[in-house]
Each structure stands twice: as C-alpha cells, then as structure tokens.
Amino acid sequence: VAIPLREQVERFTEGLRNWAEAHRAALTENGKRKFADLGTGKIEWRLAPPRVSIRGVDEVIGRIKTLGLSVFLRTKEEIDKEAMLREPEKARLIAGVSIGTAGENFSVEPFEAEIKGAAE
C-alpha cells in the first residue's frame, strides 16, 4: 500500500526531530547554535512568539471590565451604512456621504449545450 507523500514527509520529519532532540547538545555545540548543517539539509530550532488563548470570550470580557483592565479591550468604531439607508435625508447632510440609487444590474447567463465534435 502506497503511503501519500505528505504522510511520508511527516513521518520522516518526526523521526528526524526525535533523533535531533536526542543529539541536540552535540548538534548545537551545547546550545551555542540554533541550527545544524547535516550536509543534505539544515535543521534548526526557533522559539515561537508568545500567544494568547481565550476560552469563553464573553466571560473574559466581563472579568476584564470588572477588574478595570480596559487596556485589554478594543473598541472598534465603524459607520452604520444600513442606518444611513434607513434615514437617507439625514445622512446626505454629512459631508463626504452620498446615497446612490438602488440601480440595476445586467447579466448574461448562457445555457449549457453540447457541441458536436468538441473536445473529442
């Protein structure tokens, strides 16, 4: 049974990782380097940047507010175009705002047809 190439690469990579971890001190000269040249390729160890994981977003937002740590919250302001469409007369009074007409779209949708002798 043939193993898909991606799976083969993953297996070889995992095996190489296990071997490299077992020999890391020798490969990196006791941590002086973060890579090792193997002749046919290079392996390296790099630290991943820190990341934040949140479980229960609404609850965490509530706790942040309760603790007064609003520095950890963002407030995104955006224009409510739907509200402007509901009250176009008011919206038109704002410089930089214009309300266009609903307009009309034109489209062409050809029917599928078999063409004799095509792609044979």
PDB file of N, CA and C in Angstrom:
ATOM      1  N   VAL A   1       0.853  -1.180   0.000  1.00  0.00           N
ATOM      2  CA  VAL A   1       0.000   0.000   0.000  1.00  0.00           C
ATOM      3  C   VAL A   1       0.896   1.239   0.000  1.00  0.00           C
ATOM      4  N   ALA A   2       0.672   2.103  -0.951  1.00  0.00           N
ATOM      5  CA  ALA A   2       1.471   3.320  -1.069  1.00  0.00           C
ATOM      6  C   ALA A   2       1.016   4.338  -0.030  1.00  0.00           C
ATOM      7  N   ILE A   3       1.990   4.930   0.642  1.00  0.00           N
ATOM      8  CA  ILE A   3       1.704   5.971   1.630  1.00  0.00           C
ATOM      9  C   ILE A   3       1.785   7.315   0.920  1.00  0.00           C
ATOM     10  N   PRO A   4       0.790   8.188   1.111  1.00  0.00           N
ATOM     11  CA  PRO A   4       0.834   9.504   0.468  1.00  0.00           C
ATOM     12  C   PRO A   4       2.119  10.257   0.828  1.00  0.00           C
ATOM     13  N   LEU A   5       2.623  11.016  -0.122  1.00  0.00           N
ATOM     14  CA  LEU A   5       3.882  11.730   0.052  1.00  0.00           C
ATOM     15  C   LEU A   5       3.868  12.619   1.289  1.00  0.00           C
ATOM     16  N   ARG A   6       2.777  13.336   1.514  1.00  0.00           N
ATOM     17  CA  ARG A   6       2.700  14.233   2.671  1.00  0.00           C
ATOM     18  C   ARG A   6       2.881  13.455   3.975  1.00  0.00           C
ATOM     19  N   GLU A   7       2.252  12.290   4.051  1.00  0.00           N
ATOM     20  CA  GLU A   7       2.365  11.461   5.249  1.00  0.00           C
ATOM     21  C   GLU A   7       3.794  10.949   5.415  1.00  0.00           C
ATOM     22  N   GLN A   8       4.443  10.586   4.306  1.00  0.00           N
ATOM     23  CA  GLN A   8       5.840  10.142   4.367  1.00  0.00           C
ATOM     24  C   GLN A   8       6.731  11.254   4.905  1.00  0.00           C
ATOM     25  N   VAL A   9       6.529  12.472   4.394  1.00  0.00           N
ATOM     26  CA  VAL A   9       7.333  13.615   4.839  1.00  0.00           C
ATOM     27  C   VAL A   9       7.114  13.853   6.327  1.00  0.00           C
ATOM     28  N   GLU A  10       5.861  13.780   6.773  1.00  0.00           N
ATOM     29  CA  GLU A  10       5.566  13.990   8.197  1.00  0.00           C
ATOM     30  C   GLU A  10       6.248  12.937   9.059  1.00  0.00           C
ATOM     31  N   ARG A  11       6.225  11.684   8.613  1.00  0.00           N
ATOM     32  CA  ARG A  11       6.882  10.606   9.368  1.00  0.00           C
ATOM     33  C   ARG A  11       8.393  10.827   9.432  1.00  0.00           C
ATOM     34  N   PHE A  12       9.002  11.138   8.293  1.00  0.00           N
ATOM     35  CA  PHE A  12      10.449  11.371   8.276  1.00  0.00           C
ATOM     36  C   PHE A  12      10.818  12.576   9.139  1.00  0.00           C
ATOM     37  N   THR A  13      10.014  13.629   9.062  1.00  0.00           N
ATOM     38  CA  THR A  13      10.282  14.829   9.858  1.00  0.00           C
ATOM     39  C   THR A  13      10.199  14.508  11.344  1.00  0.00           C
ATOM     40  N   GLU A  14       9.192  13.749  11.738  1.00  0.00           N
ATOM     41  CA  GLU A  14       9.045  13.384  13.153  1.00  0.00           C
ATOM     42  C   GLU A  14      10.223  12.525  13.609  1.00  0.00           C
ATOM     43  N   GLY A  15      10.638  11.580  12.773  1.00  0.00           N
ATOM     44  CA  GLY A  15      11.795  10.755  13.109  1.00  0.00           C
ATOM     45  C   GLY A  15      13.061  11.583  13.237  1.00  0.00           C
ATOM     46  N   LEU A  16      13.253  12.515  12.308  1.00  0.00           N
ATOM     47  CA  LEU A  16      14.423  13.391  12.352  1.00  0.00           C
ATOM     48  C   LEU A  16      14.378  14.277  13.593  1.00  0.00           C
ATOM     49  N   ARG A  17      13.178  14.754  13.953  1.00  0.00           N
ATOM     50  CA  ARG A  17      13.030  15.591  15.148  1.00  0.00           C
ATOM     51  C   ARG A  17      13.432  14.795  16.400  1.00  0.00           C
ATOM     52  N   ASN A  18      12.963  13.552  16.490  1.00  0.00           N
ATOM     53  CA  ASN A  18      13.307  12.717  17.646  1.00  0.00           C
ATOM     54  C   ASN A  18      14.812  12.487  17.728  1.00  0.00           C
ATOM     55  N   TRP A  19      15.425  12.180  16.585  1.00  0.00           N
ATOM     56  CA  TRP A  19      16.875  11.969  16.556  1.00  0.00           C
ATOM     57  C   TRP A  19      17.616  13.246  16.942  1.00  0.00           C
ATOM     58  N   ALA A  20      17.184  14.383  16.374  1.00  0.00           N
ATOM     59  CA  ALA A  20      17.849  15.660  16.642  1.00  0.00           C
ATOM     60  C   ALA A  20      17.728  16.051  18.111  1.00  0.00           C
ATOM     61  N   GLU A  21      16.568  15.820  18.717  1.00  0.00           N
ATOM     62  CA  GLU A  21      16.400  16.151  20.137  1.00  0.00           C
ATOM     63  C   GLU A  21      17.326  15.293  20.999  1.00  0.00           C
ATOM     64  N   ALA A  22      17.486  14.022  20.628  1.00  0.00           N
ATOM     65  CA  ALA A  22      18.365  13.131  21.385  1.00  0.00           C
ATOM     66  C   ALA A  22      19.828  13.542  21.261  1.00  0.00           C
ATOM     67  N   HIS A  23      20.189  14.197  20.155  1.00  0.00           N
ATOM     68  CA  HIS A  23      21.584  14.597  19.909  1.00  0.00           C
ATOM     69  C   HIS A  23      21.749  16.121  19.872  1.00  0.00           C
ATOM     70  N   ARG A  24      20.827  16.836  20.463  1.00  0.00           N
ATOM     71  CA  ARG A  24      20.798  18.298  20.356  1.00  0.00           C
ATOM     72  C   ARG A  24      22.076  18.954  20.876  1.00  0.00           C
ATOM     73  N   ALA A  25      22.575  18.500  21.988  1.00  0.00           N
ATOM     74  CA  ALA A  25      23.777  19.116  22.565  1.00  0.00           C
ATOM     75  C   ALA A  25      24.951  19.020  21.593  1.00  0.00           C
ATOM     76  N   ALA A  26      25.141  17.859  20.998  1.00  0.00           N
ATOM     77  CA  ALA A  26      26.250  17.685  20.057  1.00  0.00           C
ATOM     78  C   ALA A  26      26.012  18.489  18.779  1.00  0.00           C
ATOM     79  N   LEU A  27      24.784  18.514  18.303  1.00  0.00           N
ATOM     80  CA  LEU A  27      24.470  19.214  17.054  1.00  0.00           C
ATOM     81  C   LEU A  27      24.586  20.734  17.182  1.00  0.00           C
ATOM     82  N   THR A  28      24.319  21.257  18.378  1.00  0.00           N
ATOM     83  CA  THR A  28      24.318  22.719  18.565  1.00  0.00           C
ATOM     84  C   THR A  28      25.504  23.212  19.383  1.00  0.00           C
ATOM     85  N   GLU A  29      26.489  22.346  19.585  1.00  0.00           N
ATOM     86  CA  GLU A  29      27.654  22.690  20.405  1.00  0.00           C
ATOM     87  C   GLU A  29      27.198  23.208  21.765  1.00  0.00           C
ATOM     88  N   ASN A  30      26.387  22.385  22.432  1.00  0.00           N
ATOM     89  CA  ASN A  30      25.827  22.705  23.751  1.00  0.00           C
ATOM     90  C   ASN A  30      25.039  24.009  23.759  1.00  0.00           C
ATOM     91  N   GLY A  31      24.249  24.221  22.723  1.00  0.00           N
ATOM     92  CA  GLY A  31      23.364  25.380  22.676  1.00  0.00           C
ATOM     93  C   GLY A  31      23.981  26.652  22.137  1.00  0.00           C
ATOM     94  N   LYS A  32      25.218  26.590  21.632  1.00  0.00           N
ATOM     95  CA  LYS A  32      25.858  27.793  21.071  1.00  0.00           C
ATOM     96  C   LYS A  32      25.224  28.187  19.739  1.00  0.00           C
ATOM     97  N   ARG A  33      24.657  27.207  19.047  1.00  0.00           N
ATOM     98  CA  ARG A  33      23.993  27.472  17.765  1.00  0.00           C
ATOM     99  C   ARG A  33      22.552  26.987  17.830  1.00  0.00           C
ATOM    100  N   LYS A  34      21.709  27.526  16.980  1.00  0.00           N
ATOM    101  CA  LYS A  34      20.304  27.116  16.933  1.00  0.00           C
ATOM    102  C   LYS A  34      20.025  26.257  15.702  1.00  0.00           C
ATOM    103  N   PHE A  35      21.067  25.863  14.992  1.00  0.00           N
ATOM    104  CA  PHE A  35      20.878  25.056  13.792  1.00  0.00           C
ATOM    105  C   PHE A  35      22.010  24.047  13.682  1.00  0.00           C
ATOM    106  N   ALA A  36      21.797  23.073  12.796  1.00  0.00           N
ATOM    107  CA  ALA A  36      22.840  22.098  12.492  1.00  0.00           C
ATOM    108  C   ALA A  36      22.789  21.816  10.997  1.00  0.00           C
ATOM    109  N   ASP A  37      23.950  21.874  10.367  1.00  0.00           N
ATOM    110  CA  ASP A  37      24.059  21.574   8.942  1.00  0.00           C
ATOM    111  C   ASP A  37      24.348  20.084   8.820  1.00  0.00           C
ATOM    112  N   LEU A  38      23.464  19.367   8.154  1.00  0.00           N
ATOM    113  CA  LEU A  38      23.621  17.921   8.023  1.00  0.00           C
ATOM    114  C   LEU A  38      24.216  17.512   6.681  1.00  0.00           C
ATOM    115  N   GLY A  39      24.642  18.458   5.892  1.00  0.00           N
ATOM    116  CA  GLY A  39      25.213  18.157   4.585  1.00  0.00           C
ATOM    117  C   GLY A  39      24.158  18.100   3.493  1.00  0.00           C
ATOM    118  N   THR A  40      23.084  17.395   3.750  1.00  0.00           N
ATOM    119  CA  THR A  40      21.999  17.314   2.767  1.00  0.00           C
ATOM    120  C   THR A  40      20.860  18.271   3.103  1.00  0.00           C
ATOM    121  N   GLY A  41      21.016  18.978   4.185  1.00  0.00           N
ATOM    122  CA  GLY A  41      19.989  19.929   4.610  1.00  0.00           C
ATOM    123  C   GLY A  41      20.329  20.495   5.969  1.00  0.00           C
ATOM    124  N   LYS A  42      19.511  21.374   6.425  1.00  0.00           N
ATOM    125  CA  LYS A  42      19.754  22.048   7.692  1.00  0.00           C
ATOM    126  C   LYS A  42      18.539  21.848   8.593  1.00  0.00           C
ATOM    127  N   ILE A  43      18.799  21.644   9.877  1.00  0.00           N
ATOM    128  CA  ILE A  43      17.717  21.625  10.857  1.00  0.00           C
ATOM    129  C   ILE A  43      17.961  22.782  11.806  1.00  0.00           C
ATOM    130  N   GLU A  44      16.868  23.333  12.327  1.00  0.00           N
ATOM    131  CA  GLU A  44      17.030  24.462  13.237  1.00  0.00           C
ATOM    132  C   GLU A  44      15.928  24.478  14.277  1.00  0.00           C
ATOM    133  N   TRP A  45      16.231  25.095  15.382  1.00  0.00           N
ATOM    134  CA  TRP A  45      15.275  25.290  16.457  1.00  0.00           C
ATOM    135  C   TRP A  45      15.057  26.789  16.598  1.00  0.00           C
ATOM    136  N   ARG A  46      13.823  27.204  16.553  1.00  0.00           N
ATOM    137  CA  ARG A  46      13.475  28.620  16.707  1.00  0.00           C
ATOM    138  C   ARG A  46      12.355  28.734  17.724  1.00  0.00           C
ATOM    139  N   LEU A  47      12.445  29.739  18.573  1.00  0.00           N
ATOM    140  CA  LEU A  47      11.383  29.982  19.541  1.00  0.00           C
ATOM    141  C   LEU A  47      10.184  30.610  18.840  1.00  0.00           C
ATOM    142  N   ALA A  48       9.022  30.111  19.147  1.00  0.00           N
ATOM    143  CA  ALA A  48       7.791  30.688  18.602  1.00  0.00           C
ATOM    144  C   ALA A  48       7.412  31.891  19.466  1.00  0.00           C
ATOM    145  N   PRO A  49       6.824  32.920  18.870  1.00  0.00           N
ATOM    146  CA  PRO A  49       6.421  34.085  19.664  1.00  0.00           C
ATOM    147  C   PRO A  49       5.296  33.711  20.630  1.00  0.00           C
ATOM    148  N   PRO A  50       5.195  34.424  21.749  1.00  0.00           N
ATOM    149  CA  PRO A  50       4.115  34.123  22.692  1.00  0.00           C
ATOM    150  C   PRO A  50       2.756  34.404  22.064  1.00  0.00           C
ATOM    151  N   ARG A  51       1.746  33.692  22.529  1.00  0.00           N
ATOM    152  CA  ARG A  51       0.402  33.914  22.006  1.00  0.00           C
ATOM    153  C   ARG A  51      -0.594  33.831  23.154  1.00  0.00           C
ATOM    154  N   VAL A  52      -1.720  34.433  22.956  1.00  0.00           N
ATOM    155  CA  VAL A  52      -2.777  34.464  23.962  1.00  0.00           C
ATOM    156  C   VAL A  52      -3.910  33.564  23.500  1.00  0.00           C
ATOM    157  N   SER A  53      -4.391  32.718  24.391  1.00  0.00           N
ATOM    158  CA  SER A  53      -5.548  31.871  24.112  1.00  0.00           C
ATOM    159  C   SER A  53      -6.669  32.304  25.045  1.00  0.00           C
ATOM    160  N   ILE A  54      -7.864  32.426  24.509  1.00  0.00           N
ATOM    161  CA  ILE A  54      -9.021  32.858  25.290  1.00  0.00           C
ATOM    162  C   ILE A  54     -10.097  31.784  25.210  1.00  0.00           C
ATOM    163  N   ARG A  55     -10.605  31.359  26.361  1.00  0.00           N
ATOM    164  CA  ARG A  55     -11.754  30.450  26.412  1.00  0.00           C
ATOM    165  C   ARG A  55     -12.905  31.214  27.040  1.00  0.00           C
ATOM    166  N   GLY A  56     -14.030  31.229  26.407  1.00  0.00           N
ATOM    167  CA  GLY A  56     -15.187  31.946  26.923  1.00  0.00           C
ATOM    168  C   GLY A  56     -15.017  33.446  26.791  1.00  0.00           C
ATOM    169  N   VAL A  57     -15.009  33.928  25.561  1.00  0.00           N
ATOM    170  CA  VAL A  57     -14.724  35.335  25.259  1.00  0.00           C
ATOM    171  C   VAL A  57     -15.617  36.282  26.054  1.00  0.00           C
ATOM    172  N   ASP A  58     -16.925  36.029  26.062  1.00  0.00           N
ATOM    173  CA  ASP A  58     -17.842  36.935  26.757  1.00  0.00           C
ATOM    174  C   ASP A  58     -17.539  37.011  28.249  1.00  0.00           C
ATOM    175  N   GLU A  59     -17.237  35.868  28.864  1.00  0.00           N
ATOM    176  CA  GLU A  59     -16.913  35.851  30.287  1.00  0.00           C
ATOM    177  C   GLU A  59     -15.616  36.605  30.565  1.00  0.00           C
ATOM    178  N   VAL A  60     -14.626  36.413  29.712  1.00  0.00           N
ATOM    179  CA  VAL A  60     -13.340  37.095  29.897  1.00  0.00           C
ATOM    180  C   VAL A  60     -13.518  38.605  29.745  1.00  0.00           C
ATOM    181  N   ILE A  61     -14.321  39.031  28.779  1.00  0.00           N
ATOM    182  CA  ILE A  61     -14.582  40.467  28.608  1.00  0.00           C
ATOM    183  C   ILE A  61     -15.225  41.022  29.874  1.00  0.00           C
ATOM    184  N   GLY A  62     -16.174  40.285  30.436  1.00  0.00           N
ATOM    185  CA  GLY A  62     -16.816  40.709  31.683  1.00  0.00           C
ATOM    186  C   GLY A  62     -15.824  40.843  32.817  1.00  0.00           C
ATOM    187  N   ARG A  63     -14.915  39.889  32.943  1.00  0.00           N
ATOM    188  CA  ARG A  63     -13.902  39.940  34.009  1.00  0.00           C
ATOM    189  C   ARG A  63     -12.953  41.114  33.801  1.00  0.00           C
ATOM    190  N   ILE A  64     -12.582  41.357  32.553  1.00  0.00           N
ATOM    191  CA  ILE A  64     -11.696  42.490  32.253  1.00  0.00           C
ATOM    192  C   ILE A  64     -12.362  43.792  32.687  1.00  0.00           C
ATOM    193  N   LYS A  65     -13.637  43.942  32.373  1.00  0.00           N
ATOM    194  CA  LYS A  65     -14.369  45.154  32.759  1.00  0.00           C
ATOM    195  C   LYS A  65     -14.473  45.267  34.274  1.00  0.00           C
ATOM    196  N   THR A  66     -14.782  44.154  34.936  1.00  0.00           N
ATOM    197  CA  THR A  66     -14.909  44.151  36.398  1.00  0.00           C
ATOM    198  C   THR A  66     -13.600  44.553  37.067  1.00  0.00           C
ATOM    199  N   LEU A  67     -12.501  44.084  36.532  1.00  0.00           N
ATOM    200  CA  LEU A  67     -11.187  44.381  37.109  1.00  0.00           C
ATOM    201  C   LEU A  67     -10.655  45.749  36.691  1.00  0.00           C
ATOM    202  N   GLY A  68     -11.375  46.439  35.819  1.00  0.00           N
ATOM    203  CA  GLY A  68     -10.928  47.760  35.377  1.00  0.00           C
ATOM    204  C   GLY A  68      -9.704  47.709  34.477  1.00  0.00           C
ATOM    205  N   LEU A  69      -9.557  46.634  33.737  1.00  0.00           N
ATOM    206  CA  LEU A  69      -8.393  46.467  32.859  1.00  0.00           C
ATOM    207  C   LEU A  69      -8.773  46.735  31.405  1.00  0.00           C
ATOM    208  N   SER A  70      -9.429  47.856  31.175  1.00  0.00           N
ATOM    209  CA  SER A  70      -9.910  48.182  29.828  1.00  0.00           C
ATOM    210  C   SER A  70      -8.778  48.330  28.814  1.00  0.00           C
ATOM    211  N   VAL A  71      -7.543  48.417  29.284  1.00  0.00           N
ATOM    212  CA  VAL A  71      -6.404  48.471  28.363  1.00  0.00           C
ATOM    213  C   VAL A  71      -6.352  47.202  27.504  1.00  0.00           C
ATOM    214  N   PHE A  72      -7.003  46.137  27.986  1.00  0.00           N
ATOM    215  CA  PHE A  72      -7.021  44.878  27.244  1.00  0.00           C
ATOM    216  C   PHE A  72      -8.230  44.746  26.323  1.00  0.00           C
ATOM    217  N   LEU A  73      -9.013  45.809  26.161  1.00  0.00           N
ATOM    218  CA  LEU A  73     -10.181  45.788  25.287  1.00  0.00           C
ATOM    219  C   LEU A  73     -10.011  46.774  24.150  1.00  0.00           C
ATOM    220  N   ARG A  74     -10.543  46.431  22.992  1.00  0.00           N
ATOM    221  CA  ARG A  74     -10.562  47.332  21.840  1.00  0.00           C
ATOM    222  C   ARG A  74     -12.004  47.731  21.564  1.00  0.00           C
ATOM    223  N   THR A  75     -12.179  48.968  21.180  1.00  0.00           N
ATOM    224  CA  THR A  75     -13.490  49.427  20.744  1.00  0.00           C
ATOM    225  C   THR A  75     -13.351  49.823  19.288  1.00  0.00           C
ATOM    226  N   LYS A  76     -14.086  49.158  18.440  1.00  0.00           N
ATOM    227  CA  LYS A  76     -13.989  49.421  17.011  1.00  0.00           C
ATOM    228  C   LYS A  76     -15.163  50.290  16.588  1.00  0.00           C
ATOM    229  N   GLU A  77     -14.864  51.472  16.079  1.00  0.00           N
ATOM    230  CA  GLU A  77     -15.902  52.348  15.563  1.00  0.00           C
ATOM    231  C   GLU A  77     -16.009  52.143  14.066  1.00  0.00           C
ATOM    232  N   GLU A  78     -17.247  52.024  13.603  1.00  0.00           N
ATOM    233  CA  GLU A  78     -17.466  51.902  12.176  1.00  0.00           C
ATOM    234  C   GLU A  78     -18.786  52.569  11.812  1.00  0.00           C
ATOM    235  N   ILE A  79     -18.894  52.955  10.585  1.00  0.00           N
ATOM    236  CA  ILE A  79     -20.089  53.646  10.098  1.00  0.00           C
ATOM    237  C   ILE A  79     -21.182  52.622   9.826  1.00  0.00           C
ATOM    238  N   ASP A  80     -22.396  52.915  10.287  1.00  0.00           N
ATOM    239  CA  ASP A  80     -23.546  52.039  10.090  1.00  0.00           C
ATOM    240  C   ASP A  80     -24.263  52.457   8.806  1.00  0.00           C
ATOM    241  N   LYS A  81     -23.871  51.862   7.697  1.00  0.00           N
ATOM    242  CA  LYS A  81     -24.451  52.213   6.396  1.00  0.00           C
ATOM    243  C   LYS A  81     -25.924  51.837   6.316  1.00  0.00           C
ATOM    244  N   GLU A  82     -26.302  50.757   6.991  1.00  0.00           N
ATOM    245  CA  GLU A  82     -27.710  50.358   6.979  1.00  0.00           C
ATOM    246  C   GLU A  82     -28.572  51.448   7.619  1.00  0.00           C
ATOM    247  N   ALA A  83     -28.092  52.046   8.709  1.00  0.00           N
ATOM    248  CA  ALA A  83     -28.834  53.134   9.359  1.00  0.00           C
ATOM    249  C   ALA A  83     -28.939  54.330   8.420  1.00  0.00           C
ATOM    250  N   MET A  84     -27.882  54.596   7.665  1.00  0.00           N
ATOM    251  CA  MET A  84     -27.908  55.708   6.708  1.00  0.00           C
ATOM    252  C   MET A  84     -28.935  55.459   5.610  1.00  0.00           C
ATOM    253  N   LEU A  85     -29.060  54.214   5.179  1.00  0.00           N
ATOM    254  CA  LEU A  85     -30.054  53.898   4.152  1.00  0.00           C
ATOM    255  C   LEU A  85     -31.476  54.032   4.696  1.00  0.00           C
ATOM    256  N   ARG A  86     -31.638  53.796   5.997  1.00  0.00           N
ATOM    257  CA  ARG A  86     -32.963  53.962   6.603  1.00  0.00           C
ATOM    258  C   ARG A  86     -33.347  55.438   6.725  1.00  0.00           C
ATOM    259  N   GLU A  87     -32.333  56.317   6.860  1.00  0.00           N
ATOM    260  CA  GLU A  87     -32.591  57.756   7.002  1.00  0.00           C
ATOM    261  C   GLU A  87     -31.709  58.535   6.029  1.00  0.00           C
ATOM    262  N   PRO A  88     -31.919  58.364   4.722  1.00  0.00           N
ATOM    263  CA  PRO A  88     -31.040  58.979   3.728  1.00  0.00           C
ATOM    264  C   PRO A  88     -31.032  60.506   3.772  1.00  0.00           C
ATOM    265  N   GLU A  89     -32.145  61.147   4.146  1.00  0.00           N
ATOM    266  CA  GLU A  89     -32.175  62.616   4.182  1.00  0.00           C
ATOM    267  C   GLU A  89     -31.183  63.144   5.215  1.00  0.00           C
ATOM    268  N   LYS A  90     -31.144  62.530   6.375  1.00  0.00           N
ATOM    269  CA  LYS A  90     -30.195  62.947   7.418  1.00  0.00           C
ATOM    270  C   LYS A  90     -28.764  62.629   6.986  1.00  0.00           C
ATOM    271  N   ALA A  91     -28.566  61.443   6.421  1.00  0.00           N
ATOM    272  CA  ALA A  91     -27.226  61.004   6.039  1.00  0.00           C
ATOM    273  C   ALA A  91     -26.619  61.920   4.985  1.00  0.00           C
ATOM    274  N   ARG A  92     -27.441  62.418   4.056  1.00  0.00           N
ATOM    275  CA  ARG A  92     -26.941  63.304   2.992  1.00  0.00           C
ATOM    276  C   ARG A  92     -26.412  64.622   3.544  1.00  0.00           C
ATOM    277  N   LEU A  93     -26.801  65.006   4.757  1.00  0.00           N
ATOM    278  CA  LEU A  93     -26.334  66.255   5.368  1.00  0.00           C
ATOM    279  C   LEU A  93     -24.877  66.165   5.822  1.00  0.00           C
ATOM    280  N   ILE A  94     -24.334  64.973   5.883  1.00  0.00           N
ATOM    281  CA  ILE A  94     -22.964  64.766   6.354  1.00  0.00           C
ATOM    282  C   ILE A  94     -22.009  64.876   5.173  1.00  0.00           C
ATOM    283  N   ALA A  95     -21.017  65.772   5.307  1.00  0.00           N
ATOM    284  CA  ALA A  95     -20.023  65.942   4.241  1.00  0.00           C
ATOM    285  C   ALA A  95     -19.294  64.620   4.016  1.00  0.00           C
ATOM    286  N   GLY A  96     -19.159  64.237   2.763  1.00  0.00           N
ATOM    287  CA  GLY A  96     -18.462  63.003   2.419  1.00  0.00           C
ATOM    288  C   GLY A  96     -19.380  61.810   2.260  1.00  0.00           C
ATOM    289  N   VAL A  97     -20.673  62.007   2.523  1.00  0.00           N
ATOM    290  CA  VAL A  97     -21.630  60.907   2.394  1.00  0.00           C
ATOM    291  C   VAL A  97     -22.541  61.184   1.216  1.00  0.00           C
ATOM    292  N   SER A  98     -22.713  60.197   0.371  1.00  0.00           N
ATOM    293  CA  SER A  98     -23.696  60.308  -0.705  1.00  0.00           C
ATOM    294  C   SER A  98     -24.484  59.004  -0.739  1.00  0.00           C
ATOM    295  N   ILE A  99     -25.736  59.122  -1.052  1.00  0.00           N
ATOM    296  CA  ILE A  99     -26.607  57.954  -1.130  1.00  0.00           C
ATOM    297  C   ILE A  99     -26.967  57.766  -2.596  1.00  0.00           C
ATOM    298  N   GLY A 100     -26.538  56.678  -3.173  1.00  0.00           N
ATOM    299  CA  GLY A 100     -26.821  56.400  -4.575  1.00  0.00           C
ATOM    300  C   GLY A 100     -28.154  55.695  -4.724  1.00  0.00           C
ATOM    301  N   THR A 101     -28.598  55.602  -5.953  1.00  0.00           N
ATOM    302  CA  THR A 101     -29.845  54.892  -6.225  1.00  0.00           C
ATOM    303  C   THR A 101     -29.589  53.397  -6.195  1.00  0.00           C
ATOM    304  N   ALA A 102     -30.645  52.654  -6.049  1.00  0.00           N
ATOM    305  CA  ALA A 102     -30.517  51.202  -6.000  1.00  0.00           C
ATOM    306  C   ALA A 102     -29.934  50.662  -7.301  1.00  0.00           C
ATOM    307  N   GLY A 103     -30.266  51.295  -8.419  1.00  0.00           N
ATOM    308  CA  GLY A 103     -29.679  50.911  -9.700  1.00  0.00           C
ATOM    309  C   GLY A 103     -30.228  49.616 -10.245  1.00  0.00           C
ATOM    310  N   GLU A 104     -29.561  49.153 -11.280  1.00  0.00           N
ATOM    311  CA  GLU A 104     -29.997  47.960 -11.991  1.00  0.00           C
ATOM    312  C   GLU A 104     -28.756  47.227 -12.469  1.00  0.00           C
ATOM    313  N   ASN A 105     -28.760  45.932 -12.350  1.00  0.00           N
ATOM    314  CA  ASN A 105     -27.645  45.122 -12.822  1.00  0.00           C
ATOM    315  C   ASN A 105     -28.063  44.374 -14.077  1.00  0.00           C
ATOM    316  N   PHE A 106     -27.122  44.172 -14.974  1.00  0.00           N
ATOM    317  CA  PHE A 106     -27.352  43.422 -16.203  1.00  0.00           C
ATOM    318  C   PHE A 106     -26.413  42.232 -16.190  1.00  0.00           C
ATOM    319  N   SER A 107     -26.929  41.051 -16.502  1.00  0.00           N
ATOM    320  CA  SER A 107     -26.054  39.888 -16.559  1.00  0.00           C
ATOM    321  C   SER A 107     -26.465  38.981 -17.704  1.00  0.00           C
ATOM    322  N   VAL A 108     -25.527  38.169 -18.138  1.00  0.00           N
ATOM    323  CA  VAL A 108     -25.764  37.195 -19.201  1.00  0.00           C
ATOM    324  C   VAL A 108     -25.396  35.837 -18.642  1.00  0.00           C
ATOM    325  N   GLU A 109     -26.279  34.864 -18.801  1.00  0.00           N
ATOM    326  CA  GLU A 109     -26.006  33.519 -18.331  1.00  0.00           C
ATOM    327  C   GLU A 109     -26.310  32.550 -19.461  1.00  0.00           C
ATOM    328  N   PRO A 110     -25.289  32.111 -20.178  1.00  0.00           N
ATOM    329  CA  PRO A 110     -25.537  31.202 -21.301  1.00  0.00           C
ATOM    330  C   PRO A 110     -25.978  29.830 -20.800  1.00  0.00           C
ATOM    331  N   PHE A 111     -26.848  29.186 -21.567  1.00  0.00           N
ATOM    332  CA  PHE A 111     -27.265  27.830 -21.251  1.00  0.00           C
ATOM    333  C   PHE A 111     -26.171  26.880 -21.694  1.00  0.00           C
ATOM    334  N   GLU A 112     -26.056  25.778 -20.977  1.00  0.00           N
ATOM    335  CA  GLU A 112     -25.084  24.774 -21.379  1.00  0.00           C
ATOM    336  C   GLU A 112     -25.636  24.020 -22.581  1.00  0.00           C
ATOM    337  N   ALA A 113     -24.774  23.740 -23.518  1.00  0.00           N
ATOM    338  CA  ALA A 113     -25.198  22.990 -24.699  1.00  0.00           C
ATOM    339  C   ALA A 113     -24.055  22.106 -25.151  1.00  0.00           C
ATOM    340  N   GLU A 114     -24.411  20.947 -25.622  1.00  0.00           N
ATOM    341  CA  GLU A 114     -23.391  20.062 -26.168  1.00  0.00           C
ATOM    342  C   GLU A 114     -23.075  20.491 -27.583  1.00  0.00           C
ATOM    343  N   ILE A 115     -21.806  20.583 -27.884  1.00  0.00           N
ATOM    344  CA  ILE A 115     -21.387  20.936 -29.236  1.00  0.00           C
ATOM    345  C   ILE A 115     -20.802  19.681 -29.858  1.00  0.00           C
ATOM    346  N   LYS A 116     -21.410  19.242 -30.918  1.00  0.00           N
ATOM    347  CA  LYS A 116     -20.970  18.019 -31.577  1.00  0.00           C
ATOM    348  C   LYS A 116     -19.546  18.173 -32.087  1.00  0.00           C
ATOM    349  N   GLY A 117     -18.729  17.168 -31.765  1.00  0.00           N
ATOM    350  CA  GLY A 117     -17.366  17.172 -32.266  1.00  0.00           C
ATOM    351  C   GLY A 117     -16.394  17.955 -31.392  1.00  0.00           C
ATOM    352  N   ALA A 118     -16.869  18.589 -30.358  1.00  0.00           N
ATOM    353  CA  ALA A 118     -15.984  19.382 -29.499  1.00  0.00           C
ATOM    354  C   ALA A 118     -15.294  18.475 -28.491  1.00  0.00           C
ATOM    355  N   ALA A 119     -14.047  18.763 -28.206  1.00  0.00           N
ATOM    356  CA  ALA A 119     -13.240  18.085 -27.185  1.00  0.00           C
ATOM    357  C   ALA A 119     -13.253  16.570 -27.327  1.00  0.00           C
ATOM    358  N   GLU A 120     -13.127  16.085 -28.518  1.00  0.00           N
ATOM    359  CA  GLU A 120     -13.069  14.632 -28.715  1.00  0.00           C
ATOM    360  C   GLU A 120     -11.676  14.212 -29.038  1.00  0.00           C
TER     361      GLU A 120
END
